């Protein structure tokens, strides 16, 4: 590593030459500070590109961080629409793409803020023929289209492509999106496609906006299959949706069938696995009300697996039975048989078991689609638990917050209906402890993997307490559209403001980060236990033990 610091004037241009035999870098500092001090570090990695981190510190304690990445000298050609093909060098910081020609006088330069980049696409392939047929196409939001050509040997465009995605699309970078298989669509910007989905969706690259509208008509509540998670290495995806509107007559929709095939083709999955969370008998019964499931004859490149997880009404009754044996007094005389009769742990087992199947398929490189009836209850349980198993990021304090915001809040779990916020109708048939059940499943995983989660049990209890408290706006309303209509973000405070104000209070002292570890909990009754410190915490004897 190389480090140095020096004062710079307002319009200074710093040239760092001869860092290696084939590398030169020019850094242009623009701003309105009378003086800056610069610390500069260079780290060479095994990657063909080099990364630079610079910290600019103003005397009045204002600071900027600048990351700069570039590749060793290689022939890169800018296909200029005015001057033709121009050889040169390109530098990419976390703010801009800068190109300077080396064979034109005067030199032709490009200075493109990364925020102005709307799309980056690979041009041509390893077998492409023709001059300048292999490279990158960059579509800008400011009326420009840029085209760069590179030599085809050794995947020469990969490092530039990766760097551009990292800095131009930081919100998508964690999953490597968008790419040449998946794209971001704003078709739901005004909630016109689906009023219970978020405004930004990720869909197969080859699916047009018209395709999405046609598929929408064949999915319950318009909840089309959209991407929830993608595996960084094998590119297998978890997509979520609602049931198809097959009905008693066995209706088919060619657009829906083709759309699921696009999901399958995105990573070359031989057979797309569709996980239907419902018991098969319930899925068949739903045909009578216009719903149903994907039949083998219509979806020939897919296999359908029923996960036998019961509906919201069964879960509601199960928790009621559990409450009866733990409050106000714990049923001592026949505890084990009483607990078994509630079927609560049996339901927990089925949910965890279903998520394991999803995670296992993804780990094996096969893409999956997950749905239940409307895709906002059991579907959310399965997708989010599978992501916890697959992705260590979601096992961190910040990552778990993102998971809940993404899979539960943005994708329209009906918190208002399921919890009954502010509603006196306690017998409402829409009430159900679906989210409580999910948090219980997370707790079961933390018990089996005590070092894998950055957060502790206190976080899970806090989340459930404020699920009901209405002190924060996080779990209010059924969907994003309702939150926007009621201006929730300007009128309420997020639960995460409380959590993030004292992260140490919610941290697991035994946490050991393991970035690539996939967790497979044991989903058997022998390894599941009742969450005593939550369900029985109001018993004075138990409360005393917890406080101690």
Protein backbone atom coordinates (compact mmCIF):
# COMPACT_ATOMS: atom_id res chain seq x y z
CA UNK A 1 0.00 0.00 0.00
CA UNK A 2 1.05 3.60 -0.71
CA UNK A 3 -0.15 6.55 1.35
CA UNK A 4 0.57 10.25 1.22
CA UNK A 5 -1.01 13.52 2.22
CA UNK A 6 -0.52 17.01 0.84
CA UNK A 7 -2.37 20.35 0.59
CA UNK A 8 -4.15 21.15 -2.66
CA UNK A 9 -5.45 24.43 -4.04
CA UNK A 10 -8.95 24.88 -5.39
CA UNK A 11 -8.35 23.93 -9.02
CA UNK A 12 -5.43 21.57 -8.54
CA UNK A 13 -4.85 18.71 -10.89
CA UNK A 14 -2.90 15.88 -9.29
CA UNK A 15 -1.09 13.43 -11.52
CA UNK A 16 0.20 10.25 -9.95
CA UNK A 17 2.58 8.73 -12.41
CA UNK A 18 4.65 5.56 -12.51
CA UNK A 19 2.66 3.77 -9.81
CA UNK A 20 3.25 0.80 -12.03
CA UNK A 21 4.89 0.42 -15.39
CA UNK A 22 1.57 0.57 -17.15
CA UNK A 23 -0.57 2.87 -15.05
CA UNK A 24 -1.13 6.58 -14.88
CA UNK A 25 -3.90 8.42 -13.10
CA UNK A 26 -5.10 11.99 -13.25
CA UNK A 27 -7.44 13.14 -10.53
CA UNK A 28 -9.27 16.42 -10.98
CA UNK A 29 -10.57 18.02 -7.81
CA UNK A 30 -13.48 20.38 -8.25
CA UNK A 31 -15.08 22.33 -5.44
CA UNK A 32 -15.32 25.56 -3.59
CA UNK A 33 -12.89 25.03 -0.73
CA UNK A 34 -9.91 27.35 -0.34
CA UNK A 35 -7.69 24.41 0.57
CA UNK A 36 -7.94 20.68 1.01
CA UNK A 37 -5.73 18.04 2.52
CA UNK A 38 -5.72 14.72 0.74
CA UNK A 39 -4.87 11.28 2.01
CA UNK A 40 -4.43 8.69 -0.70
CA UNK A 41 -4.13 4.92 -0.50
CA UNK A 42 -3.58 2.40 -3.27
CA UNK A 43 -4.43 -1.25 -2.81
CA UNK A 44 -3.51 -3.82 -5.41
CA UNK A 45 -5.66 -6.95 -5.33
CA UNK A 46 -5.84 -10.11 -7.34
CA UNK A 47 -8.46 -8.43 -9.49
CA UNK A 48 -7.22 -7.03 -12.82
CA UNK A 49 -8.47 -3.63 -11.64
CA UNK A 50 -6.94 -1.34 -9.02
CA UNK A 51 -8.89 0.46 -6.32
CA UNK A 52 -8.01 3.82 -4.81
CA UNK A 53 -9.59 5.38 -1.75
CA UNK A 54 -9.07 9.09 -1.14
CA UNK A 55 -10.22 11.15 1.81
CA UNK A 56 -10.51 14.90 1.26
CA UNK A 57 -10.59 16.85 4.52
CA UNK A 58 -11.46 20.53 4.68
CA UNK A 59 -10.00 22.71 7.46
CA UNK A 60 -13.53 23.29 8.79
CA UNK A 61 -13.87 19.54 9.36
CA UNK A 62 -15.93 18.86 6.29
CA UNK A 63 -14.83 15.73 4.51
CA UNK A 64 -15.44 13.82 1.32
CA UNK A 65 -14.66 10.22 0.52
CA UNK A 66 -13.75 9.35 -3.06
CA UNK A 67 -13.30 5.84 -4.34
CA UNK A 68 -11.60 5.40 -7.68
CA UNK A 69 -11.18 2.21 -9.66
CA UNK A 70 -9.48 1.62 -12.96
CA UNK A 71 -8.00 -1.13 -15.02
CA UNK A 72 -4.41 -1.55 -16.19
CA UNK A 73 -3.81 -0.09 -19.65
CA UNK A 74 -5.80 -1.83 -22.31
CA UNK A 75 -7.05 -0.78 -25.68
CA UNK A 76 -10.45 0.80 -25.18
CA UNK A 77 -12.17 2.51 -28.06
CA UNK A 78 -14.91 5.11 -27.79
CA UNK A 79 -17.22 4.92 -30.80
CA UNK A 80 -17.82 8.64 -31.12
CA UNK A 81 -20.88 9.49 -33.25
CA UNK A 82 -19.07 12.63 -34.50
CA UNK A 83 -15.40 11.62 -34.82
CA UNK A 84 -15.57 7.86 -35.28
CA UNK A 85 -13.53 5.30 -33.33
CA UNK A 86 -11.13 6.89 -30.81
CA UNK A 87 -8.57 5.01 -28.72
CA UNK A 88 -8.11 6.18 -25.16
CA UNK A 89 -8.27 5.49 -21.45
CA UNK A 90 -11.26 5.45 -19.13
CA UNK A 91 -11.29 6.15 -15.39
CA UNK A 92 -14.29 5.49 -13.13
CA UNK A 93 -14.78 7.03 -9.68
CA UNK A 94 -17.76 6.71 -7.41
CA UNK A 95 -19.00 9.94 -9.02
CA UNK A 96 -18.06 9.96 -12.70
CA UNK A 97 -16.85 8.12 -15.79
CA UNK A 98 -13.98 10.01 -17.45
CA UNK A 99 -12.59 9.14 -20.89
CA UNK A 100 -9.66 10.82 -22.66
CA UNK A 101 -8.57 9.94 -26.17
CA UNK A 102 -4.90 9.25 -26.91
CA UNK A 103 -4.91 9.39 -30.72
CA UNK A 104 -6.67 12.67 -31.43
CA UNK A 105 -5.39 16.23 -31.30
CA UNK A 106 -6.96 17.98 -29.57
CA UNK A 107 -7.94 15.16 -27.24
CA UNK A 108 -11.59 14.17 -27.04
CA UNK A 109 -12.87 13.82 -23.49
CA UNK A 110 -16.03 12.49 -21.89
CA UNK A 111 -17.08 13.49 -18.38
CA UNK A 112 -20.21 11.62 -17.34
CA UNK A 113 -21.66 11.71 -13.78
CA UNK A 114 -22.64 8.15 -12.90
CA UNK A 115 -26.05 9.39 -11.80
CA UNK A 116 -26.70 10.27 -15.44
CA UNK A 117 -26.31 6.61 -16.48
CA UNK A 118 -29.60 4.83 -16.97
CA UNK A 119 -28.51 1.48 -18.42
CA UNK A 120 -25.32 -0.45 -19.07
CA UNK A 121 -25.45 -3.34 -21.53
CA UNK A 122 -22.87 -5.74 -22.86
CA UNK A 123 -22.41 -5.52 -26.61
CA UNK A 124 -21.54 -8.67 -28.54
CA UNK A 125 -20.06 -11.88 -27.18
CA UNK A 126 -16.86 -13.89 -27.21
CA UNK A 127 -17.65 -15.17 -30.70
CA UNK A 128 -18.73 -11.82 -32.18
CA UNK A 129 -17.16 -10.93 -35.51
CA UNK A 130 -16.59 -7.55 -37.00
CA UNK A 131 -14.58 -4.53 -35.97
CA UNK A 132 -15.53 -2.99 -32.62
CA UNK A 133 -18.39 -5.44 -32.14
CA UNK A 134 -17.48 -6.39 -28.55
CA UNK A 135 -17.84 -3.93 -25.68
CA UNK A 136 -20.34 -1.89 -23.70
CA UNK A 137 -23.36 0.24 -24.57
CA UNK A 138 -24.17 2.95 -22.02
CA UNK A 139 -27.52 4.74 -22.20
CA UNK A 140 -27.56 8.07 -20.37
CA UNK A 141 -30.48 10.02 -18.94
CA UNK A 142 -29.12 13.28 -20.37
CA UNK A 143 -29.73 12.47 -24.05
CA UNK A 144 -26.36 10.74 -24.65
CA UNK A 145 -25.62 7.18 -25.72
CA UNK A 146 -22.02 6.02 -25.28
CA UNK A 147 -20.45 3.01 -26.91
CA UNK A 148 -17.09 1.51 -25.98
CA UNK A 149 -15.31 -1.33 -27.78
CA UNK A 150 -12.65 -3.59 -26.28
CA UNK A 151 -10.61 -6.58 -27.34
CA UNK A 152 -12.35 -9.89 -26.86
CA UNK A 153 -9.52 -11.75 -25.16
CA UNK A 154 -9.82 -12.58 -21.49
CA UNK A 155 -13.23 -11.03 -20.74
CA UNK A 156 -11.64 -7.60 -21.00
CA UNK A 157 -14.89 -5.69 -20.38
CA UNK A 158 -15.86 -7.54 -17.20
CA UNK A 159 -13.96 -5.37 -14.72
CA UNK A 160 -15.25 -2.11 -16.25
CA UNK A 161 -18.79 -3.50 -16.36
CA UNK A 162 -18.61 -4.57 -12.70
CA UNK A 163 -17.14 -1.25 -11.54
CA UNK A 164 -19.79 0.73 -13.40
CA UNK A 165 -22.58 -1.31 -11.84
CA UNK A 166 -21.07 -0.98 -8.38
CA UNK A 167 -20.97 2.82 -8.49
CA UNK A 168 -23.73 3.75 -10.95
CA UNK A 169 -26.39 1.57 -9.35
CA UNK A 170 -25.44 1.30 -5.66
CA UNK A 171 -28.99 0.40 -4.58
CA UNK A 172 -28.90 -2.66 -6.81
CA UNK A 173 -25.25 -3.56 -6.51
CA UNK A 174 -25.67 -6.05 -3.67
CA UNK A 175 -27.56 -8.38 -5.98
CA UNK A 176 -25.81 -7.44 -9.23
CA UNK A 177 -28.95 -5.90 -10.71
CA UNK A 178 -30.02 -4.82 -13.24
CA UNK A 179 -28.16 -7.03 -15.69
CA UNK A 180 -28.72 -8.63 -19.09
CA UNK A 181 -31.28 -11.06 -17.61
CA UNK A 182 -33.22 -8.83 -15.22
CA UNK A 183 -34.35 -5.24 -15.45
CA UNK A 184 -35.93 -2.64 -13.22
CA UNK A 185 -39.40 -1.50 -14.28
CA UNK A 186 -41.35 1.55 -13.13
CA UNK A 187 -44.63 0.36 -14.64
CA UNK A 188 -46.13 0.38 -11.13
CA UNK A 189 -44.91 3.90 -10.31
CA UNK A 190 -48.50 5.04 -9.68
CA UNK A 191 -49.70 1.65 -8.39
CA UNK A 192 -51.64 1.14 -11.64
CA UNK A 193 -50.41 -2.40 -12.34
CA UNK A 194 -50.85 -3.70 -8.79
CA UNK A 195 -52.03 -1.54 -5.90
CA UNK A 196 -50.43 -3.77 -3.24
CA UNK A 197 -46.96 -3.99 -4.81
CA UNK A 198 -44.13 -1.46 -4.42
CA UNK A 199 -43.50 1.12 -7.13
CA UNK A 200 -40.20 -0.40 -8.30
CA UNK A 201 -40.13 -4.01 -9.52
CA UNK A 202 -37.49 -6.28 -11.05
CA UNK A 203 -38.69 -8.49 -13.90
CA UNK A 204 -37.16 -10.65 -16.67
CA UNK A 205 -35.20 -8.50 -19.11
CA UNK A 206 -37.08 -9.89 -22.11
CA UNK A 207 -40.53 -9.19 -20.66
CA UNK A 208 -42.04 -6.02 -22.11
CA UNK A 209 -44.37 -3.66 -20.25
CA UNK A 210 -47.25 -5.03 -22.31
CA UNK A 211 -46.30 -8.57 -21.25
CA UNK A 212 -46.50 -7.49 -17.60
CA UNK A 213 -49.98 -6.06 -18.12
CA UNK A 214 -51.19 -9.30 -19.70
CA UNK A 215 -49.72 -11.46 -16.94
CA UNK A 216 -51.31 -9.14 -14.36
CA UNK A 217 -54.78 -10.11 -15.55
CA UNK A 218 -54.10 -13.78 -14.80
CA UNK A 219 -52.68 -13.43 -11.27
CA UNK A 220 -54.80 -12.87 -8.15
CA UNK A 221 -54.86 -9.18 -7.14
CA UNK A 222 -52.56 -8.47 -10.10
CA UNK A 223 -49.57 -9.72 -8.11
CA UNK A 224 -47.36 -10.91 -10.96
CA UNK A 225 -44.17 -12.96 -10.43
CA UNK A 226 -41.34 -10.52 -9.62
CA UNK A 227 -37.80 -11.03 -8.45
CA UNK A 228 -37.13 -11.02 -4.69
CA UNK A 229 -33.57 -12.38 -4.47
CA UNK A 230 -30.83 -13.58 -6.80
CA UNK A 231 -27.89 -15.82 -5.97
CA UNK A 232 -24.65 -13.97 -6.67
CA UNK A 233 -22.80 -16.98 -8.08
CA UNK A 234 -25.28 -19.27 -9.83
CA UNK A 235 -27.84 -16.51 -10.63
CA UNK A 236 -30.76 -18.66 -9.42
CA UNK A 237 -33.66 -16.48 -8.29
CA UNK A 238 -36.52 -16.41 -5.81
CA UNK A 239 -39.60 -14.88 -7.40
CA UNK A 240 -42.85 -14.26 -5.55
CA UNK A 241 -46.41 -13.79 -6.74
CA UNK A 242 -50.02 -14.84 -6.15
CA UNK A 243 -52.00 -17.81 -7.48
CA UNK A 244 -53.01 -18.01 -11.15
CA UNK A 245 -56.68 -17.40 -11.97
CA UNK A 246 -57.32 -20.85 -13.42
CA UNK A 247 -60.84 -21.36 -12.09
CA UNK A 248 -63.04 -24.43 -12.43
CA UNK A 249 -62.80 -24.42 -16.21
CA UNK A 250 -59.01 -24.70 -16.13
CA UNK A 251 -58.29 -21.46 -17.98
CA UNK A 252 -54.85 -20.93 -19.51
CA UNK A 253 -52.89 -17.81 -20.26
CA UNK A 254 -50.09 -18.10 -22.81
CA UNK A 255 -48.52 -14.84 -21.62
CA UNK A 256 -48.27 -16.12 -18.06
CA UNK A 257 -46.83 -19.43 -19.23
CA UNK A 258 -44.23 -17.65 -21.37
CA UNK A 259 -43.42 -15.25 -18.54
CA UNK A 260 -42.59 -18.10 -16.15
CA UNK A 261 -40.45 -19.60 -18.88
CA UNK A 262 -38.47 -16.35 -19.07
CA UNK A 263 -37.78 -16.68 -15.35
CA UNK A 264 -36.57 -20.23 -15.91
CA UNK A 265 -34.36 -19.25 -18.84
CA UNK A 266 -32.66 -16.40 -16.99
CA UNK A 267 -30.07 -18.74 -15.44
CA UNK A 268 -30.63 -21.82 -17.58
CA UNK A 269 -32.68 -23.73 -15.01
CA UNK A 270 -33.82 -26.99 -16.59
CA UNK A 271 -37.16 -27.03 -14.76
CA UNK A 272 -38.57 -24.12 -12.79
CA UNK A 273 -39.83 -25.15 -9.34
CA UNK A 274 -43.09 -23.53 -8.23
CA UNK A 275 -43.62 -23.77 -4.48
CA UNK A 276 -47.29 -23.44 -3.60
CA UNK A 277 -47.42 -22.85 0.15
CA UNK A 278 -50.93 -24.29 0.49
CA UNK A 279 -52.07 -27.85 1.10
CA UNK A 280 -53.04 -29.31 -2.29
CA UNK A 281 -56.67 -29.76 -1.23
CA UNK A 282 -56.92 -26.04 -0.46
CA UNK A 283 -55.38 -25.11 -3.81
CA UNK A 284 -57.94 -27.28 -5.59
CA UNK A 285 -60.75 -25.73 -3.53
CA UNK A 286 -59.55 -22.24 -4.53
CA UNK A 287 -60.43 -23.09 -8.14
CA UNK A 288 -64.08 -22.79 -7.13
CA UNK A 289 -63.52 -19.10 -6.34
CA UNK A 290 -61.58 -18.42 -9.52
CA UNK A 291 -58.08 -19.21 -8.23
CA UNK A 292 -56.04 -22.38 -8.58
CA UNK A 293 -52.55 -23.55 -9.37
CA UNK A 294 -50.16 -24.12 -12.28
CA UNK A 295 -51.08 -27.39 -14.01
CA UNK A 296 -48.50 -29.67 -15.62
CA UNK A 297 -50.14 -29.46 -19.04
CA UNK A 298 -49.90 -25.68 -19.19
CA UNK A 299 -46.52 -25.19 -17.48
CA UNK A 300 -44.51 -28.01 -19.02
CA UNK A 301 -41.12 -26.60 -18.03
CA UNK A 302 -42.08 -26.32 -14.37
CA UNK A 303 -42.69 -28.63 -11.44
CA UNK A 304 -45.26 -27.81 -8.77
CA UNK A 305 -44.63 -28.61 -5.09
CA UNK A 306 -47.27 -28.10 -2.38
CA UNK A 307 -45.84 -27.24 1.06
CA UNK A 308 -48.96 -28.00 3.15
CA UNK A 309 -48.89 -24.80 5.22
CA UNK A 310 -52.37 -23.99 6.50
CA UNK A 311 -54.24 -20.71 6.04
CA UNK A 312 -54.63 -17.65 8.25
CA UNK A 313 -57.69 -19.03 10.04
CA UNK A 314 -55.93 -22.19 11.17
CA UNK A 315 -52.98 -20.14 12.46
CA UNK A 316 -55.30 -17.79 14.36
CA UNK A 317 -57.02 -20.67 16.14
CA UNK A 318 -53.69 -22.34 16.88
CA UNK A 319 -52.33 -19.26 18.67
CA UNK A 320 -55.59 -18.91 20.62
CA UNK A 321 -55.12 -22.44 21.92
CA UNK A 322 -51.55 -21.65 22.84
CA UNK A 323 -52.66 -18.59 24.79
CA UNK A 324 -55.18 -20.70 26.70
CA UNK A 325 -52.46 -22.99 28.07
CA UNK A 326 -49.94 -20.28 29.00
CA UNK A 327 -52.05 -17.39 30.33
CA UNK A 328 -52.81 -16.55 33.06
CA UNK A 329 -51.46 -19.84 34.36
CA UNK A 330 -49.28 -22.40 32.65
CA UNK A 331 -50.98 -25.75 32.15
CA UNK A 332 -48.70 -27.88 34.34
CA UNK A 333 -50.46 -31.22 34.65
CA UNK A 334 -50.51 -32.19 30.96
CA UNK A 335 -48.06 -29.66 29.53
CA UNK A 336 -46.63 -31.66 26.64
CA UNK A 337 -49.96 -33.00 25.42
CA UNK A 338 -51.57 -29.57 25.85
CA UNK A 339 -48.80 -27.93 23.83
CA UNK A 340 -49.09 -30.59 21.14
CA UNK A 341 -52.84 -30.04 20.90
CA UNK A 342 -52.29 -26.39 19.90
CA UNK A 343 -50.35 -27.54 16.78
CA UNK A 344 -48.36 -24.27 17.01
CA UNK A 345 -44.95 -25.91 16.81
CA UNK A 346 -46.19 -28.19 14.04
CA UNK A 347 -47.08 -25.12 11.98
CA UNK A 348 -43.67 -23.59 12.77
CA UNK A 349 -42.08 -26.81 11.55
CA UNK A 350 -43.98 -26.74 8.23
CA UNK A 351 -43.04 -23.11 7.54
CA UNK A 352 -39.35 -23.70 8.28
CA UNK A 353 -39.37 -26.93 6.29
CA UNK A 354 -40.85 -25.12 3.27
CA UNK A 355 -38.21 -22.40 3.46
CA UNK A 356 -35.46 -25.04 3.64
CA UNK A 357 -36.74 -26.56 0.41
CA UNK A 358 -36.67 -23.15 -1.28
CA UNK A 359 -33.13 -22.41 -0.04
CA UNK A 360 -31.89 -25.84 -1.06
CA UNK A 361 -33.19 -25.45 -4.61
CA UNK A 362 -31.53 -22.06 -4.94
CA UNK A 363 -28.22 -23.38 -3.59
CA UNK A 364 -28.39 -26.09 -6.24
CA UNK A 365 -28.70 -23.46 -8.98
CA UNK A 366 -32.43 -23.86 -9.70
CA UNK A 367 -34.74 -20.86 -9.80
CA UNK A 368 -38.03 -20.94 -7.88
CA UNK A 369 -41.38 -19.16 -7.80
CA UNK A 370 -43.20 -18.97 -4.46
CA UNK A 371 -46.87 -18.19 -3.90
CA UNK A 372 -49.85 -18.98 -1.72
CA UNK A 373 -53.29 -17.56 -2.49
CA UNK A 374 -52.71 -13.82 -2.66
CA UNK A 375 -48.97 -13.86 -2.04
CA UNK A 376 -48.79 -11.66 1.05
CA UNK A 377 -48.86 -14.12 3.99
CA UNK A 378 -47.25 -17.55 3.65
CA UNK A 379 -45.32 -16.33 0.63
CA UNK A 380 -43.60 -13.63 2.71
CA UNK A 381 -42.79 -16.18 5.42
CA UNK A 382 -41.14 -18.55 2.94
CA UNK A 383 -39.19 -16.01 0.88
CA UNK A 384 -37.81 -14.11 3.87
CA UNK A 385 -36.84 -17.24 5.82
CA UNK A 386 -35.16 -18.69 2.72
CA UNK A 387 -33.18 -15.45 2.33
CA UNK A 388 -32.11 -15.61 5.98
CA UNK A 389 -30.77 -19.10 5.30
CA UNK A 390 -29.04 -18.14 2.05
CA UNK A 391 -27.74 -14.63 2.64
CA UNK A 392 -25.67 -13.66 5.68
CA UNK A 393 -26.39 -9.97 5.03
CA UNK A 394 -29.95 -10.45 6.25
CA UNK A 395 -28.59 -11.97 9.47
CA UNK A 396 -27.03 -8.63 10.42
CA UNK A 397 -28.87 -5.93 12.35
CA UNK A 398 -29.17 -3.63 9.35
CA UNK A 399 -29.82 -6.45 6.91
CA UNK A 400 -32.71 -7.83 8.95
CA UNK A 401 -34.35 -4.41 8.88
CA UNK A 402 -33.99 -4.38 5.09
CA UNK A 403 -35.49 -7.86 4.86
CA UNK A 404 -38.60 -6.86 6.80
CA UNK A 405 -38.99 -3.62 4.84
CA UNK A 406 -38.62 -5.46 1.53
CA UNK A 407 -40.45 -8.75 1.90
CA UNK A 408 -43.16 -7.74 4.38
CA UNK A 409 -43.76 -4.00 4.28
CA UNK A 410 -43.08 -3.10 0.63
CA UNK A 411 -44.63 -6.26 -0.79
CA UNK A 412 -47.91 -5.68 0.98
CA UNK A 413 -48.35 -7.97 3.96
CA UNK A 414 -51.70 -6.77 5.31
CA UNK A 415 -50.51 -5.58 8.71
CA UNK A 416 -53.60 -3.45 9.30
CA UNK A 417 -55.97 -6.35 8.64
CA UNK A 418 -53.90 -9.07 10.27
CA UNK A 419 -53.24 -7.09 13.47
CA UNK A 420 -56.37 -4.92 13.49
CA UNK A 421 -54.70 -1.61 14.32
CA UNK A 422 -57.31 0.72 15.84
CA UNK A 423 -60.20 -1.59 14.94
CA UNK A 424 -62.63 -2.73 17.67
CA UNK A 425 -63.75 -5.81 15.71
CA UNK A 426 -61.70 -8.43 17.58
CA UNK A 427 -63.51 -11.27 15.80
CA UNK A 428 -62.53 -10.05 12.34
CA UNK A 429 -61.72 -13.10 10.21
CA UNK A 430 -58.81 -11.23 8.63
CA UNK A 431 -56.89 -11.24 11.92
CA UNK A 432 -54.03 -13.72 11.99
CA UNK A 433 -50.58 -13.99 13.64
CA UNK A 434 -48.67 -14.58 10.38
CA UNK A 435 -45.90 -12.09 11.17
CA UNK A 436 -45.64 -13.31 14.79
CA UNK A 437 -45.22 -16.82 13.43
CA UNK A 438 -42.44 -15.65 11.11
CA UNK A 439 -40.55 -13.97 13.98
CA UNK A 440 -40.95 -17.19 15.98
CA UNK A 441 -39.33 -19.08 13.08
CA UNK A 442 -36.45 -16.59 13.11
CA UNK A 443 -36.06 -17.16 16.86
CA UNK A 444 -35.93 -20.92 16.28
CA UNK A 445 -33.08 -20.35 13.81
CA UNK A 446 -31.17 -18.16 16.28
CA UNK A 447 -31.41 -20.97 18.83
CA UNK A 448 -29.98 -23.53 16.40
CA UNK A 449 -27.28 -21.15 15.10
CA UNK A 450 -26.34 -18.99 18.12
CA UNK A 451 -23.31 -17.35 16.44
CA UNK A 452 -24.82 -16.73 12.98
CA UNK A 453 -27.04 -13.72 13.79
CA UNK A 454 -25.78 -10.27 14.71
CA UNK A 455 -29.03 -9.44 16.55
CA UNK A 456 -30.34 -10.92 19.77
CA UNK A 457 -33.68 -12.05 21.11
CA UNK A 458 -34.34 -8.58 22.47
CA UNK A 459 -34.65 -7.23 18.92
CA UNK A 460 -37.26 -9.84 18.01
CA UNK A 461 -39.34 -9.09 21.13
CA UNK A 462 -39.05 -5.34 20.49
CA UNK A 463 -40.27 -5.80 16.91
CA UNK A 464 -43.32 -7.77 18.07
CA UNK A 465 -44.09 -5.33 20.88
CA UNK A 466 -44.18 -2.44 18.43
CA UNK A 467 -46.07 -4.48 15.87
CA UNK A 468 -49.01 -3.87 18.22
CA UNK A 469 -48.07 -0.61 19.96
CA UNK A 470 -48.66 1.77 17.02
CA UNK A 471 -45.92 3.97 18.48
CA UNK A 472 -44.08 3.80 15.15
CA UNK A 473 -45.37 3.93 11.60
CA UNK A 474 -43.34 0.95 10.39
CA UNK A 475 -46.14 -1.63 10.55
CA UNK A 476 -49.14 0.60 9.92
CA UNK A 477 -51.46 0.11 6.91
CA UNK A 478 -51.62 -2.78 4.45
CA UNK A 479 -49.41 -1.60 1.61
CA UNK A 480 -47.16 1.15 0.27
CA UNK A 481 -49.97 2.84 -1.60
CA UNK A 482 -51.98 3.28 1.61
CA UNK A 483 -48.87 4.60 3.40
CA UNK A 484 -48.26 7.14 0.64
CA UNK A 485 -51.90 8.22 0.57
CA UNK A 486 -51.85 8.79 4.34
CA UNK A 487 -48.43 10.49 4.26
CA UNK A 488 -47.15 8.01 6.80
CA UNK A 489 -43.45 8.80 6.36
CA UNK A 490 -43.91 12.48 7.19
CA UNK A 491 -46.34 11.91 10.06
CA UNK A 492 -44.71 9.00 11.91
CA UNK A 493 -41.30 7.79 13.06
CA UNK A 494 -39.75 4.48 12.00
CA UNK A 495 -39.13 1.71 14.50
CA UNK A 496 -35.61 1.48 13.11
CA UNK A 497 -34.85 4.98 14.45
CA UNK A 498 -35.25 3.50 17.92
CA UNK A 499 -33.25 0.36 17.14
CA UNK A 500 -30.43 2.16 15.35
CA UNK A 501 -30.06 4.73 18.13
CA UNK A 502 -28.65 2.02 20.41
CA UNK A 503 -27.48 -0.90 18.29
CA UNK A 504 -25.39 -2.41 21.09
CA UNK A 505 -28.60 -3.08 23.04
CA UNK A 506 -29.73 -5.46 20.29
CA UNK A 507 -26.40 -7.07 19.41
CA UNK A 508 -25.57 -10.73 19.92
CA UNK A 509 -22.19 -10.92 21.73
CA UNK A 510 -21.51 -14.35 20.21
CA UNK A 511 -21.98 -13.22 16.60
CA UNK A 512 -19.33 -14.50 14.18
CA UNK A 513 -19.65 -13.20 10.60
CA UNK A 514 -19.53 -15.93 7.95
CA UNK A 515 -20.30 -14.44 4.56
CA UNK A 516 -20.83 -17.57 2.47
CA UNK A 517 -22.44 -19.88 4.98
CA UNK A 518 -25.89 -21.26 4.15
CA UNK A 519 -27.93 -22.20 7.22
CA UNK A 520 -30.09 -25.32 7.15
CA UNK A 521 -31.99 -25.52 10.44
CA UNK A 522 -33.36 -28.87 11.56
CA UNK A 523 -37.13 -28.74 11.06
CA UNK A 524 -38.17 -31.57 13.33
CA UNK A 525 -40.30 -31.43 16.46
CA UNK A 526 -37.34 -32.65 18.53
CA UNK A 527 -35.36 -29.53 17.67
CA UNK A 528 -38.15 -26.95 17.99
CA UNK A 529 -39.18 -25.42 21.29
CA UNK A 530 -41.75 -22.99 22.62
CA UNK A 531 -40.47 -19.41 22.77
CA UNK A 532 -41.00 -19.13 26.51
CA UNK A 533 -39.50 -15.67 26.97
CA UNK A 534 -42.10 -14.27 24.58
CA UNK A 535 -45.26 -16.32 25.04
CA UNK A 536 -45.02 -16.88 28.80
CA UNK A 537 -43.22 -13.69 29.81
CA UNK A 538 -46.25 -12.28 31.66
CA UNK A 539 -46.17 -15.10 34.18
CA UNK A 540 -44.47 -13.60 37.29
CA UNK A 541 -42.30 -16.65 37.81
CA UNK A 542 -41.06 -16.70 34.21
CA UNK A 543 -40.66 -12.91 34.18
CA UNK A 544 -38.43 -13.11 37.20
CA UNK A 545 -36.22 -15.70 35.48
CA UNK A 546 -35.95 -13.55 32.35
CA UNK A 547 -35.03 -10.43 34.33
CA UNK A 548 -32.36 -12.34 36.22
